[in-house]
Amino acid sequence: MPKVVEMDESVSIFSQMNEDVGPVILINKFNVNPSESDEFVKAWAEEAEKFKVQAGFISTQLHRGIGGSGIFINYAIWESAAQFKNAVNKVMNPNDRMSGYPPGTVASPHLFKKVAVAGVCVE
């Protein structure tokens, strides 16, 4: 059965969605059984189609580890945590948020915001 494992044990993705901040970047690491990779990509694409028409969605990109890796990373940009939360509540089944994914999938979603570091990067 697919499951969610928090990236940071001290804060859940659901508590992050209640923060008044934006823009935010969702990074979701997926551990996928390599034999289920095609099924995973299909399920991710179907879900992404639903998310990309929601208010506040900016962009998304799926990445896969190389060398036969079963690790996928989704990077999505949202105008705000609140808009991401609204989209999650509209798009995903609240009783089973991972229902569309292959049984061996483990997701670790987390919201981030840019950090300014003088001389290196801007906020």
PDB file of N, CA and C in Angstrom:
ATOM      1  N   MET A   1       0.843  -1.188   0.000  1.00  0.00           N
ATOM      2  CA  MET A   1       0.000   0.000   0.000  1.00  0.00           C
ATOM      3  C   MET A   1       0.885   1.247   0.000  1.00  0.00           C
ATOM      4  N   PRO A   2       0.597   2.232  -0.867  1.00  0.00           N
ATOM      5  CA  PRO A   2       1.365   3.472  -0.878  1.00  0.00           C
ATOM      6  C   PRO A   2       1.266   4.184   0.469  1.00  0.00           C
ATOM      7  N   LYS A   3       2.329   4.908   0.816  1.00  0.00           N
ATOM      8  CA  LYS A   3       2.281   5.624   2.093  1.00  0.00           C
ATOM      9  C   LYS A   3       3.080   6.916   2.019  1.00  0.00           C
ATOM     10  N   VAL A   4       2.826   7.776   3.008  1.00  0.00           N
ATOM     11  CA  VAL A   4       3.540   9.049   3.135  1.00  0.00           C
ATOM     12  C   VAL A   4       4.443   8.965   4.353  1.00  0.00           C
ATOM     13  N   VAL A   5       5.698   9.329   4.175  1.00  0.00           N
ATOM     14  CA  VAL A   5       6.663   9.422   5.266  1.00  0.00           C
ATOM     15  C   VAL A   5       7.175  10.855   5.254  1.00  0.00           C
ATOM     16  N   GLU A   6       6.987  11.559   6.350  1.00  0.00           N
ATOM     17  CA  GLU A   6       7.389  12.963   6.407  1.00  0.00           C
ATOM     18  C   GLU A   6       8.891  13.117   6.167  1.00  0.00           C
ATOM     19  N   MET A   7       9.267  14.117   5.399  1.00  0.00           N
ATOM     20  CA  MET A   7      10.671  14.420   5.148  1.00  0.00           C
ATOM     21  C   MET A   7      11.335  14.957   6.423  1.00  0.00           C
ATOM     22  N   ASP A   8      10.567  15.720   7.192  1.00  0.00           N
ATOM     23  CA  ASP A   8      11.040  16.288   8.448  1.00  0.00           C
ATOM     24  C   ASP A   8      10.109  15.778   9.548  1.00  0.00           C
ATOM     25  N   GLU A   9      10.648  14.988  10.453  1.00  0.00           N
ATOM     26  CA  GLU A   9       9.828  14.387  11.509  1.00  0.00           C
ATOM     27  C   GLU A   9       9.185  15.417  12.428  1.00  0.00           C
ATOM     28  N   SER A  10       9.732  16.641  12.473  1.00  0.00           N
ATOM     29  CA  SER A  10       9.222  17.637  13.414  1.00  0.00           C
ATOM     30  C   SER A  10       8.096  18.500  12.846  1.00  0.00           C
ATOM     31  N   VAL A  11       7.828  18.404  11.541  1.00  0.00           N
ATOM     32  CA  VAL A  11       6.757  19.206  10.936  1.00  0.00           C
ATOM     33  C   VAL A  11       6.136  18.424   9.782  1.00  0.00           C
ATOM     34  N   SER A  12       4.813  18.351   9.795  1.00  0.00           N
ATOM     35  CA  SER A  12       4.124  17.608   8.739  1.00  0.00           C
ATOM     36  C   SER A  12       3.805  18.514   7.555  1.00  0.00           C
ATOM     37  N   ILE A  13       3.622  17.900   6.415  1.00  0.00           N
ATOM     38  CA  ILE A  13       3.218  18.648   5.223  1.00  0.00           C
ATOM     39  C   ILE A  13       1.894  19.358   5.480  1.00  0.00           C
ATOM     40  N   PHE A  14       1.010  18.739   6.269  1.00  0.00           N
ATOM     41  CA  PHE A  14      -0.294  19.342   6.537  1.00  0.00           C
ATOM     42  C   PHE A  14      -0.178  20.574   7.425  1.00  0.00           C
ATOM     43  N   SER A  15       0.746  20.575   8.388  1.00  0.00           N
ATOM     44  CA  SER A  15       0.946  21.784   9.189  1.00  0.00           C
ATOM     45  C   SER A  15       1.626  22.863   8.351  1.00  0.00           C
ATOM     46  N   GLN A  16       2.501  22.487   7.441  1.00  0.00           N
ATOM     47  CA  GLN A  16       3.142  23.461   6.565  1.00  0.00           C
ATOM     48  C   GLN A  16       2.117  24.184   5.689  1.00  0.00           C
ATOM     49  N   MET A  17       1.099  23.461   5.264  1.00  0.00           N
ATOM     50  CA  MET A  17       0.088  24.057   4.387  1.00  0.00           C
ATOM     51  C   MET A  17      -0.709  25.151   5.089  1.00  0.00           C
ATOM     52  N   ASN A  18      -0.625  25.227   6.409  1.00  0.00           N
ATOM     53  CA  ASN A  18      -1.339  26.257   7.166  1.00  0.00           C
ATOM     54  C   ASN A  18      -0.525  27.533   7.350  1.00  0.00           C
ATOM     55  N   GLU A  19       0.719  27.537   6.877  1.00  0.00           N
ATOM     56  CA  GLU A  19       1.575  28.723   6.991  1.00  0.00           C
ATOM     57  C   GLU A  19       1.131  29.788   5.986  1.00  0.00           C
ATOM     58  N   ASP A  20       1.216  31.039   6.380  1.00  0.00           N
ATOM     59  CA  ASP A  20       0.886  32.160   5.509  1.00  0.00           C
ATOM     60  C   ASP A  20       2.166  32.600   4.810  1.00  0.00           C
ATOM     61  N   VAL A  21       2.526  31.889   3.753  1.00  0.00           N
ATOM     62  CA  VAL A  21       3.785  32.150   3.058  1.00  0.00           C
ATOM     63  C   VAL A  21       3.620  31.832   1.572  1.00  0.00           C
ATOM     64  N   GLY A  22       4.387  32.526   0.778  1.00  0.00           N
ATOM     65  CA  GLY A  22       4.371  32.254  -0.639  1.00  0.00           C
ATOM     66  C   GLY A  22       5.379  33.153  -1.338  1.00  0.00           C
ATOM     67  N   PRO A  23       5.847  32.782  -2.471  1.00  0.00           N
ATOM     68  CA  PRO A  23       5.589  31.492  -3.105  1.00  0.00           C
ATOM     69  C   PRO A  23       6.265  30.344  -2.356  1.00  0.00           C
ATOM     70  N   VAL A  24       5.797  29.137  -2.624  1.00  0.00           N
ATOM     71  CA  VAL A  24       6.382  27.947  -2.007  1.00  0.00           C
ATOM     72  C   VAL A  24       6.752  26.938  -3.082  1.00  0.00           C
ATOM     73  N   ILE A  25       7.709  26.110  -2.736  1.00  0.00           N
ATOM     74  CA  ILE A  25       8.147  25.033  -3.617  1.00  0.00           C
ATOM     75  C   ILE A  25       7.829  23.724  -2.908  1.00  0.00           C
ATOM     76  N   LEU A  26       7.098  22.870  -3.583  1.00  0.00           N
ATOM     77  CA  LEU A  26       6.855  21.522  -3.089  1.00  0.00           C
ATOM     78  C   LEU A  26       7.943  20.635  -3.659  1.00  0.00           C
ATOM     79  N   ILE A  27       8.648  19.946  -2.779  1.00  0.00           N
ATOM     80  CA  ILE A  27       9.559  18.897  -3.224  1.00  0.00           C
ATOM     81  C   ILE A  27       9.013  17.607  -2.644  1.00  0.00           C
ATOM     82  N   ASN A  28       8.744  16.672  -3.523  1.00  0.00           N
ATOM     83  CA  ASN A  28       8.182  15.401  -3.111  1.00  0.00           C
ATOM     84  C   ASN A  28       9.101  14.296  -3.625  1.00  0.00           C
ATOM     85  N   LYS A  29       9.727  13.599  -2.686  1.00  0.00           N
ATOM     86  CA  LYS A  29      10.601  12.479  -3.037  1.00  0.00           C
ATOM     87  C   LYS A  29       9.755  11.207  -3.006  1.00  0.00           C
ATOM     88  N   PHE A  30       9.809  10.455  -4.081  1.00  0.00           N
ATOM     89  CA  PHE A  30       9.082   9.194  -4.174  1.00  0.00           C
ATOM     90  C   PHE A  30      10.068   8.036  -4.259  1.00  0.00           C
ATOM     91  N   ASN A  31       9.906   7.058  -3.404  1.00  0.00           N
ATOM     92  CA  ASN A  31      10.629   5.792  -3.531  1.00  0.00           C
ATOM     93  C   ASN A  31       9.667   4.840  -4.238  1.00  0.00           C
ATOM     94  N   VAL A  32      10.104   4.333  -5.377  1.00  0.00           N
ATOM     95  CA  VAL A  32       9.241   3.500  -6.214  1.00  0.00           C
ATOM     96  C   VAL A  32       9.970   2.209  -6.550  1.00  0.00           C
ATOM     97  N   ASN A  33       9.274   1.105  -6.427  1.00  0.00           N
ATOM     98  CA  ASN A  33       9.836  -0.164  -6.866  1.00  0.00           C
ATOM     99  C   ASN A  33      10.096  -0.026  -8.367  1.00  0.00           C
ATOM    100  N   PRO A  34      11.330  -0.276  -8.828  1.00  0.00           N
ATOM    101  CA  PRO A  34      11.627  -0.099 -10.252  1.00  0.00           C
ATOM    102  C   PRO A  34      10.660  -0.834 -11.179  1.00  0.00           C
ATOM    103  N   SER A  35      10.123  -1.951 -10.737  1.00  0.00           N
ATOM    104  CA  SER A  35       9.160  -2.677 -11.580  1.00  0.00           C
ATOM    105  C   SER A  35       7.822  -1.942 -11.690  1.00  0.00           C
ATOM    106  N   GLU A  36       7.596  -0.945 -10.818  1.00  0.00           N
ATOM    107  CA  GLU A  36       6.354  -0.172 -10.843  1.00  0.00           C
ATOM    108  C   GLU A  36       6.554   1.235 -11.414  1.00  0.00           C
ATOM    109  N   SER A  37       7.733   1.499 -11.994  1.00  0.00           N
ATOM    110  CA  SER A  37       8.063   2.849 -12.470  1.00  0.00           C
ATOM    111  C   SER A  37       7.103   3.357 -13.537  1.00  0.00           C
ATOM    112  N   ASP A  38       6.773   2.541 -14.516  1.00  0.00           N
ATOM    113  CA  ASP A  38       5.858   2.987 -15.569  1.00  0.00           C
ATOM    114  C   ASP A  38       4.481   3.310 -14.993  1.00  0.00           C
ATOM    115  N   GLU A  39       4.000   2.468 -14.098  1.00  0.00           N
ATOM    116  CA  GLU A  39       2.711   2.691 -13.444  1.00  0.00           C
ATOM    117  C   GLU A  39       2.754   3.971 -12.602  1.00  0.00           C
ATOM    118  N   PHE A  40       3.876   4.199 -11.916  1.00  0.00           N
ATOM    119  CA  PHE A  40       4.034   5.411 -11.117  1.00  0.00           C
ATOM    120  C   PHE A  40       3.976   6.660 -11.997  1.00  0.00           C
ATOM    121  N   VAL A  41       4.739   6.689 -13.089  1.00  0.00           N
ATOM    122  CA  VAL A  41       4.775   7.861 -13.965  1.00  0.00           C
ATOM    123  C   VAL A  41       3.379   8.148 -14.521  1.00  0.00           C
ATOM    124  N   LYS A  42       2.661   7.121 -14.881  1.00  0.00           N
ATOM    125  CA  LYS A  42       1.291   7.300 -15.385  1.00  0.00           C
ATOM    126  C   LYS A  42       0.407   7.925 -14.305  1.00  0.00           C
ATOM    127  N   ALA A  43       0.474   7.414 -13.083  1.00  0.00           N
ATOM    128  CA  ALA A  43      -0.340   7.946 -11.979  1.00  0.00           C
ATOM    129  C   ALA A  43       0.066   9.386 -11.661  1.00  0.00           C
ATOM    130  N   TRP A  44       1.374   9.659 -11.648  1.00  0.00           N
ATOM    131  CA  TRP A  44       1.838  11.017 -11.367  1.00  0.00           C
ATOM    132  C   TRP A  44       1.323  11.987 -12.436  1.00  0.00           C
ATOM    133  N   ALA A  45       1.396  11.586 -13.692  1.00  0.00           N
ATOM    134  CA  ALA A  45       0.942  12.452 -14.794  1.00  0.00           C
ATOM    135  C   ALA A  45      -0.554  12.747 -14.676  1.00  0.00           C
ATOM    136  N   GLU A  46      -1.341  11.749 -14.328  1.00  0.00           N
ATOM    137  CA  GLU A  46      -2.783  11.949 -14.169  1.00  0.00           C
ATOM    138  C   GLU A  46      -3.066  12.937 -13.033  1.00  0.00           C
ATOM    139  N   GLU A  47      -2.339  12.800 -11.933  1.00  0.00           N
ATOM    140  CA  GLU A  47      -2.520  13.721 -10.810  1.00  0.00           C
ATOM    141  C   GLU A  47      -2.024  15.123 -11.169  1.00  0.00           C
ATOM    142  N   ALA A  48      -0.894  15.218 -11.845  1.00  0.00           N
ATOM    143  CA  ALA A  48      -0.338  16.518 -12.232  1.00  0.00           C
ATOM    144  C   ALA A  48      -1.299  17.283 -13.144  1.00  0.00           C
ATOM    145  N   GLU A  49      -1.993  16.582 -14.025  1.00  0.00           N
ATOM    146  CA  GLU A  49      -2.979  17.232 -14.902  1.00  0.00           C
ATOM    147  C   GLU A  49      -4.071  17.899 -14.075  1.00  0.00           C
ATOM    148  N   LYS A  50      -4.470  17.278 -12.981  1.00  0.00           N
ATOM    149  CA  LYS A  50      -5.508  17.847 -12.110  1.00  0.00           C
ATOM    150  C   LYS A  50      -4.965  19.047 -11.335  1.00  0.00           C
ATOM    151  N   PHE A  51      -3.711  18.955 -10.888  1.00  0.00           N
ATOM    152  CA  PHE A  51      -3.122  20.052 -10.118  1.00  0.00           C
ATOM    153  C   PHE A  51      -2.835  21.278 -10.978  1.00  0.00           C
ATOM    154  N   LYS A  52      -2.402  21.073 -12.202  1.00  0.00           N
ATOM    155  CA  LYS A  52      -1.938  22.212 -12.990  1.00  0.00           C
ATOM    156  C   LYS A  52      -3.046  23.176 -13.389  1.00  0.00           C
ATOM    157  N   VAL A  53      -4.303  22.815 -13.226  1.00  0.00           N
ATOM    158  CA  VAL A  53      -5.407  23.727 -13.532  1.00  0.00           C
ATOM    159  C   VAL A  53      -5.953  24.408 -12.276  1.00  0.00           C
ATOM    160  N   GLN A  54      -5.314  24.168 -11.133  1.00  0.00           N
ATOM    161  CA  GLN A  54      -5.770  24.764  -9.872  1.00  0.00           C
ATOM    162  C   GLN A  54      -5.183  26.160  -9.689  1.00  0.00           C
ATOM    163  N   ALA A  55      -5.938  27.006  -8.995  1.00  0.00           N
ATOM    164  CA  ALA A  55      -5.483  28.371  -8.707  1.00  0.00           C
ATOM    165  C   ALA A  55      -4.172  28.329  -7.920  1.00  0.00           C
ATOM    166  N   GLY A  56      -3.221  29.142  -8.328  1.00  0.00           N
ATOM    167  CA  GLY A  56      -1.950  29.244  -7.622  1.00  0.00           C
ATOM    168  C   GLY A  56      -0.846  28.362  -8.167  1.00  0.00           C
ATOM    169  N   PHE A  57      -1.184  27.430  -9.055  1.00  0.00           N
ATOM    170  CA  PHE A  57      -0.168  26.555  -9.643  1.00  0.00           C
ATOM    171  C   PHE A  57       0.695  27.364 -10.605  1.00  0.00           C
ATOM    172  N   ILE A  58       2.006  27.200 -10.503  1.00  0.00           N
ATOM    173  CA  ILE A  58       2.925  27.871 -11.425  1.00  0.00           C
ATOM    174  C   ILE A  58       3.573  26.863 -12.367  1.00  0.00           C
ATOM    175  N   SER A  59       4.223  25.833 -11.811  1.00  0.00           N
ATOM    176  CA  SER A  59       4.884  24.848 -12.675  1.00  0.00           C
ATOM    177  C   SER A  59       5.235  23.598 -11.877  1.00  0.00           C
ATOM    178  N   THR A  60       5.560  22.544 -12.611  1.00  0.00           N
ATOM    179  CA  THR A  60       6.031  21.318 -11.974  1.00  0.00           C
ATOM    180  C   THR A  60       6.990  20.601 -12.913  1.00  0.00           C
ATOM    181  N   GLN A  61       7.822  19.759 -12.345  1.00  0.00           N
ATOM    182  CA  GLN A  61       8.759  18.944 -13.125  1.00  0.00           C
ATOM    183  C   GLN A  61       9.055  17.679 -12.344  1.00  0.00           C
ATOM    184  N   LEU A  62       8.980  16.545 -13.003  1.00  0.00           N
ATOM    185  CA  LEU A  62       9.322  15.259 -12.409  1.00  0.00           C
ATOM    186  C   LEU A  62      10.745  14.896 -12.832  1.00  0.00           C
ATOM    187  N   HIS A  63      11.528  14.393 -11.892  1.00  0.00           N
ATOM    188  CA  HIS A  63      12.901  13.958 -12.152  1.00  0.00           C
ATOM    189  C   HIS A  63      13.032  12.514 -11.671  1.00  0.00           C
ATOM    190  N   ARG A  64      13.904  11.752 -12.324  1.00  0.00           N
ATOM    191  CA  ARG A  64      14.169  10.378 -11.906  1.00  0.00           C
ATOM    192  C   ARG A  64      15.662  10.184 -11.706  1.00  0.00           C
ATOM    193  N   GLY A  65      16.004   9.466 -10.632  1.00  0.00           N
ATOM    194  CA  GLY A  65      17.403   9.120 -10.411  1.00  0.00           C
ATOM    195  C   GLY A  65      17.928   8.295 -11.576  1.00  0.00           C
ATOM    196  N   ILE A  66      19.199   8.441 -11.861  1.00  0.00           N
ATOM    197  CA  ILE A  66      19.796   7.718 -12.985  1.00  0.00           C
ATOM    198  C   ILE A  66      20.420   6.404 -12.512  1.00  0.00           C
ATOM    199  N   GLY A  67      20.828   5.589 -13.464  1.00  0.00           N
ATOM    200  CA  GLY A  67      21.503   4.332 -13.152  1.00  0.00           C
ATOM    201  C   GLY A  67      20.584   3.253 -12.605  1.00  0.00           C
ATOM    202  N   GLY A  68      19.330   3.238 -13.048  1.00  0.00           N
ATOM    203  CA  GLY A  68      18.395   2.216 -12.583  1.00  0.00           C
ATOM    204  C   GLY A  68      17.727   2.552 -11.262  1.00  0.00           C
ATOM    205  N   SER A  69      17.861   3.791 -10.805  1.00  0.00           N
ATOM    206  CA  SER A  69      17.280   4.226  -9.533  1.00  0.00           C
ATOM    207  C   SER A  69      15.761   4.181  -9.564  1.00  0.00           C
ATOM    208  N   GLY A  70      15.172   3.893  -8.415  1.00  0.00           N
ATOM    209  CA  GLY A  70      13.725   3.930  -8.237  1.00  0.00           C
ATOM    210  C   GLY A  70      13.285   5.185  -7.494  1.00  0.00           C
ATOM    211  N   ILE A  71      14.157   6.195  -7.439  1.00  0.00           N
ATOM    212  CA  ILE A  71      13.836   7.443  -6.753  1.00  0.00           C
ATOM    213  C   ILE A  71      13.388   8.482  -7.780  1.00  0.00           C
ATOM    214  N   PHE A  72      12.247   9.099  -7.492  1.00  0.00           N
ATOM    215  CA  PHE A  72      11.726  10.196  -8.297  1.00  0.00           C
ATOM    216  C   PHE A  72      11.605  11.416  -7.390  1.00  0.00           C
ATOM    217  N   ILE A  73      11.814  12.596  -7.968  1.00  0.00           N
ATOM    218  CA  ILE A  73      11.624  13.858  -7.260  1.00  0.00           C
ATOM    219  C   ILE A  73      10.675  14.706  -8.095  1.00  0.00           C
ATOM    220  N   ASN A  74       9.636  15.201  -7.456  1.00  0.00           N
ATOM    221  CA  ASN A  74       8.743  16.174  -8.076  1.00  0.00           C
ATOM    222  C   ASN A  74       9.051  17.534  -7.460  1.00  0.00           C
ATOM    223  N   TYR A  75       9.213  18.515  -8.325  1.00  0.00           N
ATOM    224  CA  TYR A  75       9.488  19.893  -7.918  1.00  0.00           C
ATOM    225  C   TYR A  75       8.347  20.732  -8.484  1.00  0.00           C
ATOM    226  N   ALA A  76       7.543  21.340  -7.602  1.00  0.00           N
ATOM    227  CA  ALA A  76       6.406  22.136  -8.056  1.00  0.00           C
ATOM    228  C   ALA A  76       6.418  23.494  -7.371  1.00  0.00           C
ATOM    229  N   ILE A  77       6.079  24.524  -8.117  1.00  0.00           N
ATOM    230  CA  ILE A  77       6.052  25.876  -7.581  1.00  0.00           C
ATOM    231  C   ILE A  77       4.598  26.338  -7.493  1.00  0.00           C
ATOM    232  N   TRP A  78       4.257  26.890  -6.324  1.00  0.00           N
ATOM    233  CA  TRP A  78       2.907  27.398  -6.049  1.00  0.00           C
ATOM    234  C   TRP A  78       3.001  28.836  -5.576  1.00  0.00           C
ATOM    235  N   GLU A  79       1.982  29.622  -5.863  1.00  0.00           N
ATOM    236  CA  GLU A  79       1.957  31.020  -5.436  1.00  0.00           C
ATOM    237  C   GLU A  79       1.939  31.158  -3.917  1.00  0.00           C
ATOM    238  N   SER A  80       1.317  30.196  -3.224  1.00  0.00           N
ATOM    239  CA  SER A  80       1.266  30.255  -1.760  1.00  0.00           C
ATOM    240  C   SER A  80       0.969  28.880  -1.181  1.00  0.00           C
ATOM    241  N   ALA A  81       1.286  28.730   0.093  1.00  0.00           N
ATOM    242  CA  ALA A  81       0.961  27.487   0.798  1.00  0.00           C
ATOM    243  C   ALA A  81      -0.547  27.283   0.846  1.00  0.00           C
ATOM    244  N   ALA A  82      -1.297  28.379   1.025  1.00  0.00           N
ATOM    245  CA  ALA A  82      -2.759  28.287   1.094  1.00  0.00           C
ATOM    246  C   ALA A  82      -3.340  27.770  -0.222  1.00  0.00           C
ATOM    247  N   GLN A  83      -2.815  28.245  -1.341  1.00  0.00           N
ATOM    248  CA  GLN A  83      -3.325  27.781  -2.631  1.00  0.00           C
ATOM    249  C   GLN A  83      -2.951  26.318  -2.876  1.00  0.00           C
ATOM    250  N   PHE A  84      -1.774  25.926  -2.435  1.00  0.00           N
ATOM    251  CA  PHE A  84      -1.406  24.518  -2.536  1.00  0.00           C
ATOM    252  C   PHE A  84      -2.365  23.669  -1.692  1.00  0.00           C
ATOM    253  N   LYS A  85      -2.649  24.115  -0.484  1.00  0.00           N
ATOM    254  CA  LYS A  85      -3.578  23.390   0.401  1.00  0.00           C
ATOM    255  C   LYS A  85      -4.954  23.255  -0.255  1.00  0.00           C
ATOM    256  N   ASN A  86      -5.469  24.349  -0.815  1.00  0.00           N
ATOM    257  CA  ASN A  86      -6.768  24.300  -1.484  1.00  0.00           C
ATOM    258  C   ASN A  86      -6.759  23.286  -2.627  1.00  0.00           C
ATOM    259  N   ALA A  87      -5.680  23.266  -3.383  1.00  0.00           N
ATOM    260  CA  ALA A  87      -5.568  22.325  -4.499  1.00  0.00           C
ATOM    261  C   ALA A  87      -5.537  20.886  -4.000  1.00  0.00           C
ATOM    262  N   VAL A  88      -4.759  20.615  -2.964  1.00  0.00           N
ATOM    263  CA  VAL A  88      -4.692  19.264  -2.395  1.00  0.00           C
ATOM    264  C   VAL A  88      -6.086  18.811  -1.964  1.00  0.00           C
ATOM    265  N   ASN A  89      -6.816  19.705  -1.303  1.00  0.00           N
ATOM    266  CA  ASN A  89      -8.150  19.348  -0.823  1.00  0.00           C
ATOM    267  C   ASN A  89      -9.145  19.129  -1.952  1.00  0.00           C
ATOM    268  N   LYS A  90      -8.940  19.784  -3.099  1.00  0.00           N
ATOM    269  CA  LYS A  90      -9.832  19.598  -4.245  1.00  0.00           C
ATOM    270  C   LYS A  90      -9.472  18.357  -5.064  1.00  0.00           C
ATOM    271  N   VAL A  91      -8.179  18.103  -5.211  1.00  0.00           N
ATOM    272  CA  VAL A  91      -7.702  17.079  -6.153  1.00  0.00           C
ATOM    273  C   VAL A  91      -7.584  15.693  -5.525  1.00  0.00           C
ATOM    274  N   MET A  92      -7.116  15.629  -4.282  1.00  0.00           N
ATOM    275  CA  MET A  92      -6.788  14.326  -3.691  1.00  0.00           C
ATOM    276  C   MET A  92      -7.914  13.795  -2.811  1.00  0.00           C
ATOM    277  N   ASN A  93      -8.093  12.487  -2.836  1.00  0.00           N
ATOM    278  CA  ASN A  93      -9.071  11.817  -1.993  1.00  0.00           C
ATOM    279  C   ASN A  93      -8.636  11.954  -0.537  1.00  0.00           C
ATOM    280  N   PRO A  94      -9.424  12.629   0.306  1.00  0.00           N
ATOM    281  CA  PRO A  94      -9.000  12.846   1.694  1.00  0.00           C
ATOM    282  C   PRO A  94      -8.880  11.557   2.515  1.00  0.00           C
ATOM    283  N   ASN A  95      -9.538  10.499   2.082  1.00  0.00           N
ATOM    284  CA  ASN A  95      -9.469   9.220   2.800  1.00  0.00           C
ATOM    285  C   ASN A  95      -8.271   8.381   2.386  1.00  0.00           C
ATOM    286  N   ASP A  96      -7.720   8.657   1.217  1.00  0.00           N
ATOM    287  CA  ASP A  96      -6.562   7.904   0.725  1.00  0.00           C
ATOM    288  C   ASP A  96      -5.841   8.756  -0.310  1.00  0.00           C
ATOM    289  N   ARG A  97      -4.971   9.649   0.157  1.00  0.00           N
ATOM    290  CA  ARG A  97      -4.321  10.613  -0.728  1.00  0.00           C
ATOM    291  C   ARG A  97      -3.365   9.968  -1.726  1.00  0.00           C
ATOM    292  N   MET A  98      -3.002   8.721  -1.508  1.00  0.00           N
ATOM    293  CA  MET A  98      -2.060   8.039  -2.408  1.00  0.00           C
ATOM    294  C   MET A  98      -2.753   6.965  -3.246  1.00  0.00           C
ATOM    295  N   SER A  99      -4.053   6.995  -3.329  1.00  0.00           N
ATOM    296  CA  SER A  99      -4.819   5.912  -3.949  1.00  0.00           C
ATOM    297  C   SER A  99      -4.453   5.625  -5.401  1.00  0.00           C
ATOM    298  N   GLY A 100      -3.981   6.625  -6.134  1.00  0.00           N
ATOM    299  CA  GLY A 100      -3.680   6.404  -7.543  1.00  0.00           C
ATOM    300  C   GLY A 100      -2.310   5.810  -7.819  1.00  0.00           C
ATOM    301  N   TYR A 101      -1.472   5.696  -6.807  1.00  0.00           N
ATOM    302  CA  TYR A 101      -0.085   5.265  -7.000  1.00  0.00           C
ATOM    303  C   TYR A 101       0.091   3.763  -6.794  1.00  0.00           C
ATOM    304  N   PRO A 102       1.141   3.191  -7.381  1.00  0.00           N
ATOM    305  CA  PRO A 102       1.419   1.761  -7.200  1.00  0.00           C
ATOM    306  C   PRO A 102       1.611   1.429  -5.715  1.00  0.00           C
ATOM    307  N   PRO A 103       1.334   0.196  -5.347  1.00  0.00           N
ATOM    308  CA  PRO A 103       1.351  -0.200  -3.931  1.00  0.00           C
ATOM    309  C   PRO A 103       2.660   0.041  -3.195  1.00  0.00           C
ATOM    310  N   GLY A 104       3.799  -0.066  -3.859  1.00  0.00           N
ATOM    311  CA  GLY A 104       5.079   0.074  -3.179  1.00  0.00           C
ATOM    312  C   GLY A 104       5.582   1.502  -3.049  1.00  0.00           C
ATOM    313  N   THR A 105       4.798   2.495  -3.478  1.00  0.00           N
ATOM    314  CA  THR A 105       5.232   3.891  -3.491  1.00  0.00           C
ATOM    315  C   THR A 105       5.294   4.474  -2.078  1.00  0.00           C
ATOM    316  N   VAL A 106       6.390   5.163  -1.783  1.00  0.00           N
ATOM    317  CA  VAL A 106       6.532   5.917  -0.535  1.00  0.00           C
ATOM    318  C   VAL A 106       6.809   7.362  -0.933  1.00  0.00           C
ATOM    319  N   ALA A 107       5.945   8.277  -0.489  1.00  0.00           N
ATOM    320  CA  ALA A 107       6.097   9.699  -0.812  1.00  0.00           C
ATOM    321  C   ALA A 107       6.554  10.466   0.416  1.00  0.00           C
ATOM    322  N   SER A 108       7.448  11.423   0.192  1.00  0.00           N
ATOM    323  CA  SER A 108       7.926  12.307   1.265  1.00  0.00           C
ATOM    324  C   SER A 108       7.826  13.753   0.774  1.00  0.00           C
ATOM    325  N   PRO A 109       6.631  14.374   0.937  1.00  0.00           N
ATOM    326  CA  PRO A 109       6.441  15.745   0.477  1.00  0.00           C
ATOM    327  C   PRO A 109       6.850  16.767   1.533  1.00  0.00           C
ATOM    328  N   HIS A 110       7.315  17.926   1.076  1.00  0.00           N
ATOM    329  CA  HIS A 110       7.706  18.991   1.995  1.00  0.00           C
ATOM    330  C   HIS A 110       7.640  20.312   1.247  1.00  0.00           C
ATOM    331  N   LEU A 111       7.201  21.371   1.931  1.00  0.00           N
ATOM    332  CA  LEU A 111       7.144  22.701   1.333  1.00  0.00           C
ATOM    333  C   LEU A 111       8.366  23.517   1.757  1.00  0.00           C
ATOM    334  N   PHE A 112       8.887  24.294   0.815  1.00  0.00           N
ATOM    335  CA  PHE A 112      10.064  25.123   1.034  1.00  0.00           C
ATOM    336  C   PHE A 112       9.804  26.530   0.514  1.00  0.00           C
ATOM    337  N   LYS A 113      10.586  27.499   0.998  1.00  0.00           N
ATOM    338  CA  LYS A 113      10.612  28.830   0.405  1.00  0.00           C
ATOM    339  C   LYS A 113      12.070  29.182   0.128  1.00  0.00           C
ATOM    340  N   LYS A 114      12.269  30.063  -0.830  1.00  0.00           N
ATOM    341  CA  LYS A 114      13.622  30.459  -1.188  1.00  0.00           C
ATOM    342  C   LYS A 114      14.286  31.188  -0.035  1.00  0.00           C
ATOM    343  N   VAL A 115      15.608  31.063   0.032  1.00  0.00           N
ATOM    344  CA  VAL A 115      16.408  31.722   1.058  1.00  0.00           C
ATOM    345  C   VAL A 115      17.460  32.569   0.343  1.00  0.00           C
ATOM    346  N   ALA A 116      17.568  33.823   0.752  1.00  0.00           N
ATOM    347  CA  ALA A 116      18.595  34.694   0.194  1.00  0.00           C
ATOM    348  C   ALA A 116      19.911  34.450   0.920  1.00  0.00           C
ATOM    349  N   VAL A 117      20.972  34.279   0.134  1.00  0.00           N
ATOM    350  CA  VAL A 117      22.314  34.143   0.692  1.00  0.00           C
ATOM    351  C   VAL A 117      23.174  35.162  -0.055  1.00  0.00           C
ATOM    352  N   ALA A 118      23.659  36.145   0.677  1.00  0.00           N
ATOM    353  CA  ALA A 118      24.402  37.250   0.065  1.00  0.00           C
ATOM    354  C   ALA A 118      25.514  36.743  -0.861  1.00  0.00           C
ATOM    355  N   GLY A 119      25.518  37.281  -2.065  1.00  0.00           N
ATOM    356  CA  GLY A 119      26.558  36.947  -3.033  1.00  0.00           C
ATOM    357  C   GLY A 119      26.374  35.612  -3.726  1.00  0.00           C
ATOM    358  N   VAL A 120      25.339  34.871  -3.351  1.00  0.00           N
ATOM    359  CA  VAL A 120      25.136  33.547  -3.956  1.00  0.00           C
ATOM    360  C   VAL A 120      23.771  33.434  -4.626  1.00  0.00           C
ATOM    361  N   CYS A 121      22.713  33.761  -3.885  1.00  0.00           N
ATOM    362  CA  CYS A 121      21.363  33.631  -4.445  1.00  0.00           C
ATOM    363  C   CYS A 121      20.410  34.643  -3.797  1.00  0.00           C
ATOM    364  N   VAL A 122      19.330  34.932  -4.508  1.00  0.00           N
ATOM    365  CA  VAL A 122      18.358  35.912  -4.048  1.00  0.00           C
ATOM    366  C   VAL A 122      17.108  35.200  -3.544  1.00  0.00           C
ATOM    367  N   GLU A 123      16.332  35.909  -2.733  1.00  0.00           N
ATOM    368  CA  GLU A 123      15.072  35.341  -2.247  1.00  0.00           C
ATOM    369  C   GLU A 123      14.006  35.440  -3.298  1.00  0.00           C
TER     370      GLU A 123
END
